[in-house]
Amino acid sequence: SVMMIFIKGENSTEIPPVEVTMEELEVKEIEPEVIEEIEELEEQPVEEAVPTVEKPDVTPTENTASTEDFNNDMPQTDDNMDFDAVLDISPNATPLKLSGLYGGRTNSGRKGMLRRFGGSGAGEAAVLRALRWLKDHQNKTTGRWPMDSTTHGGAMTGLALLTFLAHGETPLSEEFGNTVQMGIQYLVEKVNKGGERIGGNGYENGIIAYALSEAYGLTKIPMIKGPMDKLILSIVEGQQPSGGFDYGYKKGARFDVSLSGWQIQALKAAYVSGSTVPGIHKAIEKSSEFLKDVQCKSGARKGYFPYSKKGQGTISMTDVATLCLQLIGEGHSKEALRGVEIIKNNEKVDWNDKDMHKNASIHHTKVYNWYYATQAMFHHGKSTWRGWNKMFQPQLIKNQESDGHWELPGGFKEDWTPYYATTLCTLMLEVYYRYLPTFKLPKKMAGAVAGGGAFDVDDDVGLIIE
């Protein structure tokens, strides 16, 4: 399964993909009693859920997204939502100031994004509970997560740091500043002490690169750039000629879409943050070509993406590949649009799915699937996002533990699993305001980051806040 691959990926031998046969399912309405319970939570307005701690102001702009469609009933979204329209493409080189690229992550920016795209007071309160749980469960000596385990420290710390960065938290944040600083320092030191790359199979390397790239983009702290570029270079050099990635960055015939997903997310975040690694632009282009090439072109799995062998498409890898195509500016491609339709018709967020509890290969991976699917549905927007949002948000809120963490659905538990489940669920509930710009930037911004000359341009990227 994907989850077990992530955990036990140091073995370089080929692992056969798990084929999960999915029938087209009718999306069931949420039970009335569940709706009532969530609506009670929804009575808490977003303004009360968003923390009052002060963060650096966005320089030089403020987010001005429309808030007309917000109400305190079940979350609604703008049917005419265009993901590009929330983006603020203004570079910033001032350390510890929130760049205009991340304007949605300020207090006011989050409120506007939550209103416009169907967030809720209950959802934001769940995010804060999770962040406080993570803060309390960080190792106060090393800055690492999990707190008491040596298992997967790099990957879990990377995922945890991403949740704080998504919320706009920097080392200057009043409540979470020390937590963020310690997490960054742990990863920076780990990279500086390590070799060419971190971890054996590539997952940890990609996740840490992703977290450091967002940290650098958000804060411009100089000490982050060297470790970020070091890991991004290892990803660029580890890419296969086809554009994909495999365990240990091997260059053989085997590819791994699951592993590729974290590398592509890292490349995108680093590219926008200003990484100067040679070849990063080409690596992103090659990854797009790779994903389009491996999508199943015919048969019963037409439109699905495979794990490691062409023609054997799975819903999990369709979630991964669809999001990655969207992140690198290919959201309107026929391959991404087919992926969206497959996710819409076959994927659902249901904590009590009976099949999930019976099948170990499913319950290890479901939150992983939902992490990608939620982002893919948000990127696609419109009625697709409206339906997904009404389904996933109540499920996550309802199944959060009272202390703020989540457990993996299905009952599987090890010392690292609460951190894994909590970080992915939190990132899902932060989907409304966490996103970087699309890959193509407006003409006037082309070349403004990373020394110029690297960016594609696009006259119609959407709202640009002056």
Protein backbone atom coordinates (compact mmCIF):
# COMPACT_ATOMS: atom_id res chain seq x y z
CA SER A 1 0.00 0.00 0.00
CA VAL A 2 1.03 3.60 -0.39
CA MET A 3 1.26 4.10 3.34
CA MET A 4 3.49 1.13 3.88
CA ILE A 5 5.64 2.25 0.99
CA PHE A 6 6.14 5.54 2.74
CA ILE A 7 7.11 3.84 5.97
CA LYS A 8 9.24 0.97 4.73
CA GLY A 9 10.60 2.45 1.56
CA GLU A 10 14.29 1.88 2.18
CA ASN A 11 14.04 -1.43 0.37
CA SER A 12 14.92 -0.75 -3.25
CA THR A 13 13.29 -3.87 -4.64
CA GLU A 14 10.16 -3.47 -6.64
CA ILE A 15 7.04 -3.71 -4.60
CA PRO A 16 3.94 -4.72 -6.51
CA PRO A 17 1.22 -2.10 -6.40
CA VAL A 18 -1.93 -2.74 -4.48
CA GLU A 19 -4.84 -2.84 -6.87
CA VAL A 20 -7.93 -1.42 -5.27
CA THR A 21 -10.98 -2.00 -7.41
CA MET A 22 -13.42 0.84 -6.98
CA GLU A 23 -16.96 0.82 -8.20
CA GLU A 24 -18.68 4.04 -9.10
CA LEU A 25 -20.34 5.18 -5.95
CA GLU A 26 -23.18 7.51 -5.37
CA VAL A 27 -22.14 10.24 -2.95
CA LYS A 28 -24.43 9.79 -0.01
CA GLU A 29 -25.94 12.69 1.85
CA ILE A 30 -24.64 13.27 5.34
CA GLU A 31 -26.99 11.92 7.95
CA PRO A 32 -29.30 14.58 9.43
CA GLU A 33 -28.00 14.13 12.96
CA VAL A 34 -24.43 14.69 11.75
CA ILE A 35 -25.48 17.84 9.93
CA GLU A 36 -27.23 19.10 13.05
CA GLU A 37 -24.13 18.47 15.15
CA ILE A 38 -21.89 20.29 12.70
CA GLU A 39 -24.32 23.17 12.31
CA GLU A 40 -24.19 23.68 16.04
CA LEU A 41 -20.43 24.00 15.76
CA GLU A 42 -20.84 26.31 12.78
CA GLU A 43 -22.55 28.89 14.96
CA GLN A 44 -19.09 29.94 16.07
CA PRO A 45 -18.09 32.54 13.47
CA VAL A 46 -14.72 32.45 11.74
CA GLU A 47 -13.70 35.68 13.46
CA GLU A 48 -13.80 33.93 16.84
CA ALA A 49 -11.91 30.87 15.62
CA VAL A 50 -9.02 32.76 14.05
CA PRO A 51 -6.36 33.50 16.69
CA THR A 52 -5.82 37.05 17.82
CA VAL A 53 -2.03 36.74 17.93
CA GLU A 54 -0.32 39.26 15.71
CA LYS A 55 1.86 38.21 12.81
CA PRO A 56 3.99 40.28 10.44
CA ASP A 57 1.78 42.31 8.13
CA VAL A 58 1.71 41.41 4.48
CA THR A 59 4.02 43.68 2.57
CA PRO A 60 2.99 45.55 0.55
CA THR A 61 -0.55 44.38 -0.03
CA GLU A 62 -3.68 43.09 1.61
CA ASN A 63 -5.93 40.34 0.41
CA THR A 64 -9.17 41.72 -0.99
CA ALA A 65 -11.06 38.56 -1.89
CA SER A 66 -14.83 38.78 -1.96
CA THR A 67 -16.64 37.66 1.17
CA GLU A 68 -20.20 38.08 0.01
CA ASP A 69 -21.01 34.37 -0.08
CA PHE A 70 -20.09 33.63 3.53
CA ASN A 71 -22.65 32.67 6.13
CA ASN A 72 -22.71 30.72 9.36
CA ASP A 73 -24.80 27.84 8.08
CA MET A 74 -23.30 24.75 6.46
CA PRO A 75 -20.24 25.98 4.57
CA GLN A 76 -20.95 27.27 1.09
CA THR A 77 -18.59 28.12 -1.72
CA ASP A 78 -18.55 30.41 -4.70
CA ASP A 79 -19.72 28.42 -7.72
CA ASN A 80 -17.69 30.73 -9.95
CA MET A 81 -14.53 30.16 -7.97
CA ASP A 82 -11.34 30.35 -9.97
CA PHE A 83 -8.31 29.20 -8.01
CA ASP A 84 -6.12 31.72 -9.82
CA ALA A 85 -8.29 34.55 -8.54
CA VAL A 86 -7.06 34.24 -4.96
CA LEU A 87 -3.41 34.64 -5.84
CA ASP A 88 -1.26 37.61 -4.95
CA ILE A 89 1.91 37.55 -7.00
CA SER A 90 4.17 40.03 -5.22
CA PRO A 91 7.76 39.04 -4.33
CA ASN A 92 9.32 39.88 -1.02
CA ALA A 93 12.92 39.58 0.12
CA THR A 94 12.54 40.80 3.70
CA PRO A 95 13.33 38.13 6.30
CA LEU A 96 10.50 37.21 8.67
CA LYS A 97 7.88 39.22 6.78
CA LEU A 98 5.00 37.38 5.17
CA SER A 99 5.49 37.74 1.44
CA GLY A 100 2.57 38.85 -0.68
CA LEU A 101 2.72 35.37 -2.18
CA TYR A 102 1.31 34.13 1.12
CA GLY A 103 -1.23 36.87 1.80
CA GLY A 104 -3.95 34.32 2.46
CA ARG A 105 -2.08 33.15 5.54
CA THR A 106 -2.37 36.37 7.57
CA ASN A 107 -5.19 36.83 10.08
CA SER A 108 -7.21 38.97 7.69
CA GLY A 109 -6.25 36.86 4.70
CA ARG A 110 -7.42 33.64 6.33
CA LYS A 111 -10.75 35.16 7.27
CA GLY A 112 -11.34 36.28 3.71
CA MET A 113 -10.36 32.94 2.21
CA LEU A 114 -12.46 30.98 4.69
CA ARG A 115 -15.50 33.10 3.89
CA ARG A 116 -15.12 32.88 0.17
CA PHE A 117 -14.29 29.21 -0.23
CA GLY A 118 -16.53 27.54 2.32
CA GLY A 119 -14.44 27.41 5.46
CA SER A 120 -16.04 27.64 8.87
CA GLY A 121 -15.47 28.66 12.44
CA ALA A 122 -15.64 25.01 13.46
CA GLY A 123 -13.02 24.05 10.89
CA GLU A 124 -10.64 26.81 11.92
CA ALA A 125 -11.15 25.91 15.59
CA ALA A 126 -10.18 22.33 14.70
CA VAL A 127 -7.01 23.63 13.04
CA LEU A 128 -6.06 25.58 16.15
CA ARG A 129 -6.66 22.56 18.38
CA ALA A 130 -4.40 20.52 16.13
CA LEU A 131 -1.65 23.14 16.05
CA ARG A 132 -1.72 23.37 19.83
CA TRP A 133 -1.55 19.58 20.11
CA LEU A 134 1.45 19.55 17.79
CA LYS A 135 3.07 22.34 19.77
CA ASP A 136 2.61 20.38 23.00
CA HIS A 137 3.94 17.19 21.40
CA GLN A 138 7.11 18.61 19.87
CA ASN A 139 10.37 17.46 21.41
CA LYS A 140 11.40 20.57 23.36
CA THR A 141 15.09 19.66 23.20
CA THR A 142 15.51 18.82 19.53
CA GLY A 143 12.48 20.48 17.92
CA ARG A 144 11.52 17.21 16.28
CA TRP A 145 8.26 15.35 15.87
CA PRO A 146 7.34 12.68 17.01
CA MET A 147 8.09 13.87 20.52
CA ASP A 148 9.33 10.61 22.04
CA SER A 149 10.07 8.41 19.05
CA THR A 150 13.05 8.28 16.73
CA THR A 151 10.87 6.95 13.92
CA HIS A 152 10.49 9.11 10.79
CA GLY A 153 11.63 12.27 12.57
CA GLY A 154 12.56 14.12 9.39
CA ALA A 155 9.36 13.37 7.52
CA MET A 156 7.05 14.00 10.49
CA THR A 157 8.84 17.22 11.36
CA GLY A 158 8.52 18.35 7.76
CA LEU A 159 4.80 17.63 7.71
CA ALA A 160 4.25 19.30 11.09
CA LEU A 161 6.18 22.40 10.03
CA LEU A 162 4.03 22.63 6.89
CA THR A 163 0.89 22.85 9.04
CA PHE A 164 2.23 25.86 10.94
CA LEU A 165 3.54 27.57 7.81
CA ALA A 166 0.17 27.04 6.12
CA HIS A 167 -1.40 28.97 9.00
CA GLY A 168 1.03 31.84 8.48
CA GLU A 169 3.09 31.06 11.57
CA THR A 170 6.72 32.25 11.56
CA PRO A 171 9.39 32.45 14.25
CA LEU A 172 7.88 35.85 15.14
CA SER A 173 4.42 34.44 15.89
CA GLU A 174 3.39 35.01 19.48
CA GLU A 175 1.82 31.61 20.19
CA PHE A 176 3.72 29.32 17.83
CA GLY A 177 6.93 31.22 17.05
CA ASN A 178 9.25 29.08 19.15
CA THR A 179 7.65 25.89 17.83
CA VAL A 180 8.25 26.98 14.25
CA GLN A 181 11.79 28.14 14.94
CA MET A 182 12.75 24.85 16.59
CA GLY A 183 11.21 22.85 13.75
CA ILE A 184 13.13 24.83 11.15
CA GLN A 185 16.37 24.52 13.09
CA TYR A 186 15.94 20.76 13.45
CA LEU A 187 15.50 20.30 9.70
CA VAL A 188 18.31 22.71 8.79
CA GLU A 189 20.71 20.92 11.12
CA LYS A 190 19.59 17.52 9.82
CA VAL A 191 20.31 18.57 6.24
CA ASN A 192 23.62 20.22 7.11
CA LYS A 193 24.79 17.10 8.91
CA GLY A 194 23.52 14.73 6.24
CA GLY A 195 24.98 13.71 2.93
CA GLU A 196 23.78 14.45 -0.56
CA ARG A 197 20.20 13.66 0.41
CA ILE A 198 18.19 12.71 3.49
CA GLY A 199 16.69 9.24 3.97
CA GLY A 200 16.96 6.16 1.84
CA ASN A 201 13.86 5.95 -0.32
CA GLY A 202 13.23 9.60 -1.23
CA TYR A 203 10.05 10.32 0.73
CA GLU A 204 11.82 11.99 3.64
CA ASN A 205 14.07 13.94 1.30
CA GLY A 206 11.09 15.27 -0.66
CA ILE A 207 9.01 16.16 2.39
CA ILE A 208 11.87 18.00 4.13
CA ALA A 209 12.65 19.84 0.89
CA TYR A 210 8.98 20.83 0.63
CA ALA A 211 8.86 22.15 4.21
CA LEU A 212 12.12 24.09 3.95
CA SER A 213 11.01 25.58 0.62
CA GLU A 214 7.80 26.88 2.13
CA ALA A 215 9.70 28.11 5.19
CA TYR A 216 12.13 30.03 3.01
CA GLY A 217 9.40 31.41 0.79
CA LEU A 218 7.41 32.55 3.79
CA THR A 219 10.23 34.08 5.85
CA LYS A 220 13.29 34.57 3.59
CA ILE A 221 15.51 33.56 6.53
CA PRO A 222 18.96 33.21 4.90
CA MET A 223 20.05 30.08 6.79
CA ILE A 224 17.22 28.09 5.17
CA LYS A 225 18.21 28.66 1.56
CA GLY A 226 21.38 26.57 1.51
CA PRO A 227 19.76 23.41 2.94
CA MET A 228 16.70 23.95 0.74
CA ASP A 229 18.80 24.22 -2.41
CA LYS A 230 20.90 21.22 -1.38
CA LEU A 231 17.83 18.98 -1.22
CA ILE A 232 16.23 20.47 -4.32
CA LEU A 233 19.45 19.81 -6.25
CA SER A 234 19.31 16.18 -5.12
CA ILE A 235 15.75 15.98 -6.46
CA VAL A 236 16.65 17.59 -9.79
CA GLU A 237 19.64 15.26 -10.19
CA GLY A 238 17.60 12.26 -9.02
CA GLN A 239 14.87 12.70 -11.62
CA GLN A 240 14.60 9.98 -14.21
CA PRO A 241 14.97 10.83 -17.91
CA SER A 242 11.21 10.24 -18.23
CA GLY A 243 10.52 12.92 -15.62
CA GLY A 244 9.46 10.56 -12.85
CA PHE A 245 11.16 9.41 -9.67
CA ASP A 246 11.88 6.03 -8.09
CA TYR A 247 13.03 4.75 -4.71
CA GLY A 248 16.49 6.02 -3.86
CA TYR A 249 16.31 8.23 -6.98
CA LYS A 250 17.24 5.27 -9.17
CA LYS A 251 17.27 5.82 -12.92
CA GLY A 252 15.91 2.44 -14.01
CA ALA A 253 12.72 1.55 -15.82
CA ARG A 254 10.61 1.48 -12.65
CA PHE A 255 8.86 4.70 -11.60
CA ASP A 256 6.86 5.56 -8.50
CA VAL A 257 4.02 8.07 -8.75
CA SER A 258 3.54 8.20 -4.98
CA LEU A 259 7.18 9.10 -4.39
CA SER A 260 7.07 11.51 -7.33
CA GLY A 261 4.22 13.40 -5.68
CA TRP A 262 6.37 14.69 -2.82
CA GLN A 263 9.23 15.59 -5.15
CA ILE A 264 6.92 17.61 -7.39
CA GLN A 265 5.36 19.44 -4.44
CA ALA A 266 8.88 20.30 -3.25
CA LEU A 267 9.98 21.48 -6.69
CA LYS A 268 6.95 23.74 -7.00
CA ALA A 269 7.40 25.27 -3.53
CA ALA A 270 11.13 25.82 -4.07
CA TYR A 271 10.63 27.31 -7.52
CA VAL A 272 8.20 29.92 -6.29
CA SER A 273 10.20 30.67 -3.15
CA GLY A 274 13.23 31.65 -5.22
CA SER A 275 15.43 28.58 -5.40
CA THR A 276 18.41 29.15 -7.66
CA VAL A 277 19.13 25.47 -8.32
CA PRO A 278 20.03 25.00 -12.00
CA GLY A 279 17.54 22.88 -13.87
CA ILE A 280 14.58 23.30 -11.52
CA HIS A 281 12.41 24.77 -14.27
CA LYS A 282 13.21 21.91 -16.62
CA ALA A 283 12.58 19.36 -13.86
CA ILE A 284 9.06 20.71 -13.36
CA GLU A 285 8.40 20.57 -17.10
CA LYS A 286 9.66 16.98 -17.27
CA SER A 287 7.46 15.95 -14.34
CA SER A 288 4.43 17.23 -16.24
CA GLU A 289 5.40 15.21 -19.30
CA PHE A 290 5.90 12.13 -17.14
CA LEU A 291 2.50 12.30 -15.46
CA LYS A 292 0.68 12.82 -18.73
CA ASP A 293 2.53 9.92 -20.33
CA VAL A 294 1.80 7.32 -17.63
CA GLN A 295 -1.94 8.01 -17.34
CA CYS A 296 -3.96 5.02 -18.53
CA LYS A 297 -5.07 5.74 -22.09
CA SER A 298 -7.62 2.95 -22.57
CA GLY A 299 -9.43 0.07 -20.94
CA ALA A 300 -11.40 -0.09 -17.71
CA ARG A 301 -8.87 2.15 -15.92
CA LYS A 302 -8.81 4.85 -18.58
CA GLY A 303 -7.93 8.19 -17.00
CA TYR A 304 -6.48 6.64 -13.85
CA PHE A 305 -2.81 7.04 -12.96
CA PRO A 306 -0.67 4.02 -12.00
CA TYR A 307 1.57 3.47 -9.02
CA SER A 308 4.62 1.92 -10.68
CA LYS A 309 3.50 0.22 -13.87
CA LYS A 310 1.66 1.62 -16.84
CA GLY A 311 -1.88 0.36 -17.29
CA GLN A 312 -2.48 -0.44 -13.63
CA GLY A 313 -4.25 2.72 -12.50
CA THR A 314 -5.41 3.25 -8.92
CA ILE A 315 -7.56 5.87 -7.23
CA SER A 316 -4.71 6.71 -4.81
CA MET A 317 -2.31 7.60 -7.58
CA THR A 318 -5.01 9.47 -9.46
CA ASP A 319 -5.40 11.71 -6.40
CA VAL A 320 -1.63 12.31 -6.33
CA ALA A 321 -1.07 12.91 -10.03
CA THR A 322 -4.10 15.16 -10.50
CA LEU A 323 -2.98 17.52 -7.76
CA CYS A 324 0.59 17.58 -9.05
CA LEU A 325 -0.57 18.51 -12.55
CA GLN A 326 -2.63 21.33 -11.09
CA LEU A 327 0.27 22.60 -8.98
CA ILE A 328 2.53 22.94 -12.00
CA GLY A 329 0.05 24.79 -14.16
CA GLU A 330 -1.61 21.87 -15.96
CA GLY A 331 -4.95 21.95 -14.17
CA HIS A 332 -6.82 22.56 -17.43
CA SER A 333 -5.11 19.73 -19.30
CA LYS A 334 -7.26 16.81 -20.41
CA GLU A 335 -5.24 14.51 -18.15
CA ALA A 336 -5.95 16.58 -15.03
CA LEU A 337 -9.61 17.05 -15.92
CA ARG A 338 -10.04 13.30 -16.33
CA GLY A 339 -8.41 12.83 -12.96
CA VAL A 340 -10.84 15.28 -11.36
CA GLU A 341 -13.82 13.38 -12.74
CA ILE A 342 -12.48 10.06 -11.45
CA ILE A 343 -11.88 11.49 -7.99
CA LYS A 344 -15.30 13.10 -7.95
CA ASN A 345 -17.03 9.85 -8.87
CA ASN A 346 -14.97 7.36 -6.88
CA GLU A 347 -13.37 9.00 -3.88
CA LYS A 348 -15.15 9.88 -0.64
CA VAL A 349 -14.23 10.89 2.88
CA ASP A 350 -15.93 8.50 5.25
CA TRP A 351 -14.26 7.71 8.57
CA ASN A 352 -16.54 4.73 9.15
CA ASP A 353 -16.33 3.11 5.73
CA LYS A 354 -16.86 -0.62 6.46
CA ASP A 355 -14.55 -1.75 3.68
CA MET A 356 -11.77 0.42 5.04
CA HIS A 357 -11.96 -1.29 8.42
CA LYS A 358 -11.85 -4.74 6.80
CA ASN A 359 -9.02 -4.12 4.38
CA ALA A 360 -5.61 -3.27 5.85
CA SER A 361 -4.34 -2.08 2.48
CA ILE A 362 -7.03 0.61 2.49
CA HIS A 363 -7.03 1.90 6.04
CA HIS A 364 -3.29 2.55 5.90
CA THR A 365 -3.72 4.92 2.98
CA LYS A 366 -7.06 6.67 3.17
CA VAL A 367 -5.94 9.88 4.88
CA TYR A 368 -3.09 10.00 2.37
CA ASN A 369 -5.66 9.79 -0.44
CA TRP A 370 -7.86 12.45 1.13
CA TYR A 371 -4.91 14.83 1.53
CA TYR A 372 -4.36 14.83 -2.23
CA ALA A 373 -8.01 14.60 -3.26
CA THR A 374 -9.07 17.56 -1.10
CA GLN A 375 -6.45 19.78 -2.68
CA ALA A 376 -7.31 18.57 -6.17
CA MET A 377 -11.00 19.31 -5.65
CA PHE A 378 -10.18 22.76 -4.28
CA HIS A 379 -7.98 23.56 -7.24
CA HIS A 380 -10.71 22.53 -9.65
CA GLY A 381 -13.24 24.65 -7.78
CA LYS A 382 -16.84 25.44 -8.64
CA SER A 383 -19.54 22.86 -7.90
CA THR A 384 -16.94 20.10 -7.65
CA TRP A 385 -15.35 21.82 -4.68
CA ARG A 386 -18.73 22.68 -3.17
CA GLY A 387 -19.75 19.02 -3.04
CA TRP A 388 -16.40 17.83 -1.73
CA ASN A 389 -16.25 20.57 0.88
CA LYS A 390 -19.67 19.67 2.27
CA MET A 391 -18.53 16.06 2.54
CA PHE A 392 -14.98 16.23 3.88
CA GLN A 393 -15.10 19.13 6.32
CA PRO A 394 -17.75 17.69 8.70
CA GLN A 395 -16.02 14.30 8.63
CA LEU A 396 -12.70 15.75 9.76
CA ILE A 397 -14.23 17.98 12.41
CA LYS A 398 -16.38 15.19 13.83
CA ASN A 399 -13.52 12.68 14.03
CA GLN A 400 -10.92 14.90 15.66
CA GLU A 401 -9.98 13.73 19.16
CA SER A 402 -10.88 16.06 22.01
CA ASP A 403 -7.23 16.98 22.63
CA GLY A 404 -6.80 18.13 19.02
CA HIS A 405 -5.14 15.21 17.26
CA TRP A 406 -6.46 12.64 14.81
CA GLU A 407 -5.92 8.91 14.63
CA LEU A 408 -5.80 7.04 11.34
CA PRO A 409 -9.25 5.72 10.40
CA GLY A 410 -9.49 1.95 10.54
CA GLY A 411 -7.68 1.52 13.83
CA PHE A 412 -4.07 1.14 12.63
CA LYS A 413 -1.74 2.76 15.18
CA GLU A 414 1.97 3.06 15.81
CA ASP A 415 3.98 5.75 17.60
CA TRP A 416 4.20 7.92 14.47
CA THR A 417 0.61 7.55 13.20
CA PRO A 418 -1.07 10.28 15.33
CA TYR A 419 1.44 12.78 13.94
CA TYR A 420 0.92 11.59 10.39
CA ALA A 421 -2.87 11.68 10.62
CA THR A 422 -2.91 15.02 12.46
CA THR A 423 -0.64 16.81 10.02
CA LEU A 424 -2.47 15.62 6.91
CA CYS A 425 -5.91 16.37 8.38
CA THR A 426 -4.77 19.82 9.45
CA LEU A 427 -3.38 20.59 6.00
CA MET A 428 -6.74 19.58 4.53
CA LEU A 429 -8.59 22.01 6.80
CA GLU A 430 -6.10 24.74 5.85
CA VAL A 431 -6.77 24.20 2.16
CA TYR A 432 -8.76 27.45 1.90
CA TYR A 433 -5.77 29.73 2.42
CA ARG A 434 -2.49 27.82 2.12
CA TYR A 435 -1.78 27.72 -1.60
CA LEU A 436 1.16 29.00 -3.55
CA PRO A 437 0.54 30.62 -6.95
CA THR A 438 0.16 28.54 -10.05
CA PHE A 439 3.26 27.77 -12.06
CA LYS A 440 2.64 30.36 -14.78
CA LEU A 441 3.06 33.95 -13.64
CA PRO A 442 1.93 37.23 -15.22
CA LYS A 443 4.27 38.87 -17.72
CA LYS A 444 5.25 41.70 -15.42
CA MET A 445 6.33 39.19 -12.76
CA ALA A 446 8.32 36.92 -15.08
CA GLY A 447 11.91 36.86 -13.97
CA ALA A 448 11.27 38.89 -10.81
CA VAL A 449 12.13 35.94 -8.58
CA ALA A 450 15.33 33.88 -8.50
CA GLY A 451 17.31 36.28 -10.65
CA GLY A 452 14.95 36.40 -13.60
CA GLY A 453 14.39 34.45 -16.75
CA ALA A 454 13.05 31.23 -15.29
CA PHE A 455 9.30 31.66 -15.30
CA ASP A 456 6.69 30.96 -17.89
CA VAL A 457 4.26 33.81 -18.33
CA ASP A 458 0.52 33.93 -18.51
CA ASP A 459 -1.57 36.99 -19.32
CA ASP A 460 -4.63 35.59 -17.57
CA VAL A 461 -3.42 34.34 -14.22
CA GLY A 462 -6.27 36.05 -12.40
CA LEU A 463 -6.42 38.66 -9.68
CA ILE A 464 -3.15 40.48 -9.07
CA ILE A 465 -3.23 42.69 -6.00
CA GLU A 466 -1.18 45.83 -6.48
